[in-house]
């Protein structure tokens, strides 16, 4: 008596894993790719900030700010701040991840804050400014402004 041959089985590295492990591995892989993509986008923002600062391009610096729900007075103050920032050369810039906006009572960020752009200027005091960064789309980030709560 002979036994029929078993049908050919497709080979895959995921075949021995149970379904829950395959799903977990897939979710982990996709999330790591998205994190890498976000890190690259934040790096591009930092590079654009440094190049706009070194070329003294206030229009480019202003384009990196999210102006949603921002009053005219706050816009003017931020433009003045950006113009004053050009007076000092940059020593270092860094991206630091955070999920808080450090808002004061009655104020809220106009985007969800995910990181901060920390700029240290080349002055004897090492002046430091920390700009909150938020998502402006899937792959772009902007500087977040605090606006009054509605």
Protein backbone atom coordinates (compact mmCIF):
# COMPACT_ATOMS: atom_id res chain seq x y z
CA UNK A 1 0.00 0.00 0.00
CA UNK A 2 1.39 3.42 -0.92
CA UNK A 3 0.47 6.85 0.37
CA UNK A 4 -0.10 9.70 -1.99
CA UNK A 5 2.43 12.51 -1.89
CA UNK A 6 1.51 15.57 0.09
CA UNK A 7 0.81 18.68 -1.97
CA UNK A 8 3.66 21.12 -2.32
CA UNK A 9 3.58 23.74 0.37
CA UNK A 10 4.59 27.34 -0.21
CA UNK A 11 7.52 28.28 1.87
CA UNK A 12 7.58 31.53 3.78
CA UNK A 13 9.52 32.74 6.77
CA UNK A 14 6.20 33.69 8.38
CA UNK A 15 4.54 30.31 7.85
CA UNK A 16 5.56 28.77 11.17
CA UNK A 17 4.31 31.80 13.11
CA UNK A 18 0.75 31.91 14.39
CA UNK A 19 -1.58 34.52 12.95
CA UNK A 20 -1.35 36.84 15.97
CA UNK A 21 2.44 36.87 15.69
CA UNK A 22 2.29 37.58 11.95
CA UNK A 23 -0.07 40.52 12.57
CA UNK A 24 2.13 41.83 15.39
CA UNK A 25 5.24 41.60 13.25
CA UNK A 26 3.47 43.38 10.39
CA UNK A 27 2.24 46.19 12.64
CA UNK A 28 5.70 46.54 14.17
CA UNK A 29 7.33 46.73 10.74
CA UNK A 30 4.89 49.35 9.44
CA UNK A 31 5.22 51.46 12.58
CA UNK A 32 9.02 51.36 12.38
CA UNK A 33 8.87 52.49 8.76
CA UNK A 34 6.54 55.36 9.66
CA UNK A 35 8.82 56.41 12.53
CA UNK A 36 11.81 56.39 10.20
CA UNK A 37 9.87 58.47 7.68
CA UNK A 38 8.92 61.00 10.40
CA UNK A 39 12.54 61.20 11.59
CA UNK A 40 13.69 61.99 8.08
CA UNK A 41 11.00 64.66 7.71
CA UNK A 42 12.04 66.27 11.02
CA UNK A 43 15.65 66.18 9.86
CA UNK A 44 14.67 67.98 6.67
CA UNK A 45 12.88 70.66 8.70
CA UNK A 46 15.96 71.16 10.86
CA UNK A 47 18.18 71.41 7.78
CA UNK A 48 15.78 73.88 6.15
CA UNK A 49 15.73 75.97 9.35
CA UNK A 50 19.54 76.15 9.46
CA UNK A 51 19.86 77.00 5.77
CA UNK A 52 17.15 79.69 5.96
CA UNK A 53 18.82 81.14 9.05
CA UNK A 54 22.27 81.16 7.47
CA UNK A 55 20.92 82.84 4.31
CA UNK A 56 18.89 85.30 6.46
CA UNK A 57 15.68 84.41 4.63
CA UNK A 58 12.84 85.56 6.90
CA UNK A 59 10.20 84.51 4.36
CA UNK A 60 11.46 80.92 4.48
CA UNK A 61 11.46 80.98 8.29
CA UNK A 62 7.90 82.35 8.30
CA UNK A 63 6.78 79.59 5.93
CA UNK A 64 7.81 77.02 8.55
CA UNK A 65 5.31 78.41 11.08
CA UNK A 66 1.70 77.21 11.31
CA UNK A 67 -0.45 80.36 11.19
CA UNK A 68 -3.84 78.64 11.72
CA UNK A 69 -6.09 80.60 14.13
CA UNK A 70 -3.25 83.04 14.94
CA UNK A 71 -4.23 86.69 15.49
CA UNK A 72 -2.57 89.54 13.61
CA UNK A 73 -0.80 90.72 16.78
CA UNK A 74 0.65 87.26 17.45
CA UNK A 75 1.78 87.04 13.81
CA UNK A 76 3.56 90.35 14.13
CA UNK A 77 5.25 89.26 17.37
CA UNK A 78 6.40 85.99 15.81
CA UNK A 79 7.73 87.77 12.73
CA UNK A 80 9.66 90.14 15.00
CA UNK A 81 11.03 87.17 16.96
CA UNK A 82 12.15 85.44 13.76
CA UNK A 83 13.83 88.65 12.55
CA UNK A 84 15.64 88.99 15.89
CA UNK A 85 16.80 85.38 15.71
CA UNK A 86 18.79 86.22 12.59
CA UNK A 87 21.06 88.52 14.62
CA UNK A 88 22.83 85.56 16.29
CA UNK A 89 24.73 82.75 14.57
CA UNK A 90 23.60 79.21 15.32
CA UNK A 91 25.86 77.01 17.42
CA UNK A 92 23.77 73.80 17.34
CA UNK A 93 20.28 72.62 16.51
CA UNK A 94 18.59 69.50 17.78
CA UNK A 95 15.24 67.74 17.55
CA UNK A 96 13.82 66.49 20.86
CA UNK A 97 10.69 64.39 20.99
CA UNK A 98 7.91 65.47 23.32
CA UNK A 99 4.16 65.16 23.48
CA UNK A 100 3.36 68.21 25.54
CA UNK A 101 2.79 71.76 24.49
CA UNK A 102 3.48 73.36 27.90
CA UNK A 103 0.44 75.51 27.32
CA UNK A 104 -0.75 78.04 29.84
CA UNK A 105 -4.34 78.09 31.06
CA UNK A 106 -6.60 79.50 28.37
CA UNK A 107 -4.17 78.66 25.54
CA UNK A 108 -3.84 75.64 23.28
CA UNK A 109 -1.44 74.66 20.48
CA UNK A 110 -2.81 74.96 16.94
CA UNK A 111 -1.29 71.57 16.00
CA UNK A 112 -0.56 68.36 17.90
CA UNK A 113 2.97 68.79 19.29
CA UNK A 114 5.29 65.84 18.65
CA UNK A 115 8.77 67.35 18.98
CA UNK A 116 10.75 70.48 19.69
CA UNK A 117 13.38 72.22 17.59
CA UNK A 118 16.01 73.34 20.10
CA UNK A 119 18.30 76.06 18.72
CA UNK A 120 21.41 77.06 20.67
CA UNK A 121 22.99 80.30 19.48
CA UNK A 122 26.70 81.03 19.39
CA UNK A 123 26.69 83.72 22.07
CA UNK A 124 28.66 83.85 25.34
CA UNK A 125 25.44 83.02 27.24
CA UNK A 126 24.51 80.22 24.82
CA UNK A 127 21.02 81.58 24.27
CA UNK A 128 18.60 78.72 23.65
CA UNK A 129 15.18 78.76 21.99
CA UNK A 130 12.84 75.77 21.84
CA UNK A 131 10.19 75.77 19.13
CA UNK A 132 7.36 73.20 19.40
CA UNK A 133 6.83 71.23 16.19
CA UNK A 134 3.60 69.67 15.02
CA UNK A 135 2.37 67.61 12.10
CA UNK A 136 1.10 69.63 9.17
CA UNK A 137 0.34 66.61 7.03
CA UNK A 138 1.62 63.11 6.65
CA UNK A 139 5.21 64.08 5.95
CA UNK A 140 5.54 67.75 6.85
CA UNK A 141 6.04 69.53 10.12
CA UNK A 142 5.59 73.15 11.16
CA UNK A 143 6.34 75.29 14.17
CA UNK A 144 3.31 75.36 16.44
CA UNK A 145 1.85 78.55 17.89
CA UNK A 146 -0.29 78.84 21.02
CA UNK A 147 -3.73 80.26 20.35
CA UNK A 148 -6.56 81.18 22.73
CA UNK A 149 -8.99 78.40 23.58
CA UNK A 150 -12.43 78.76 22.09
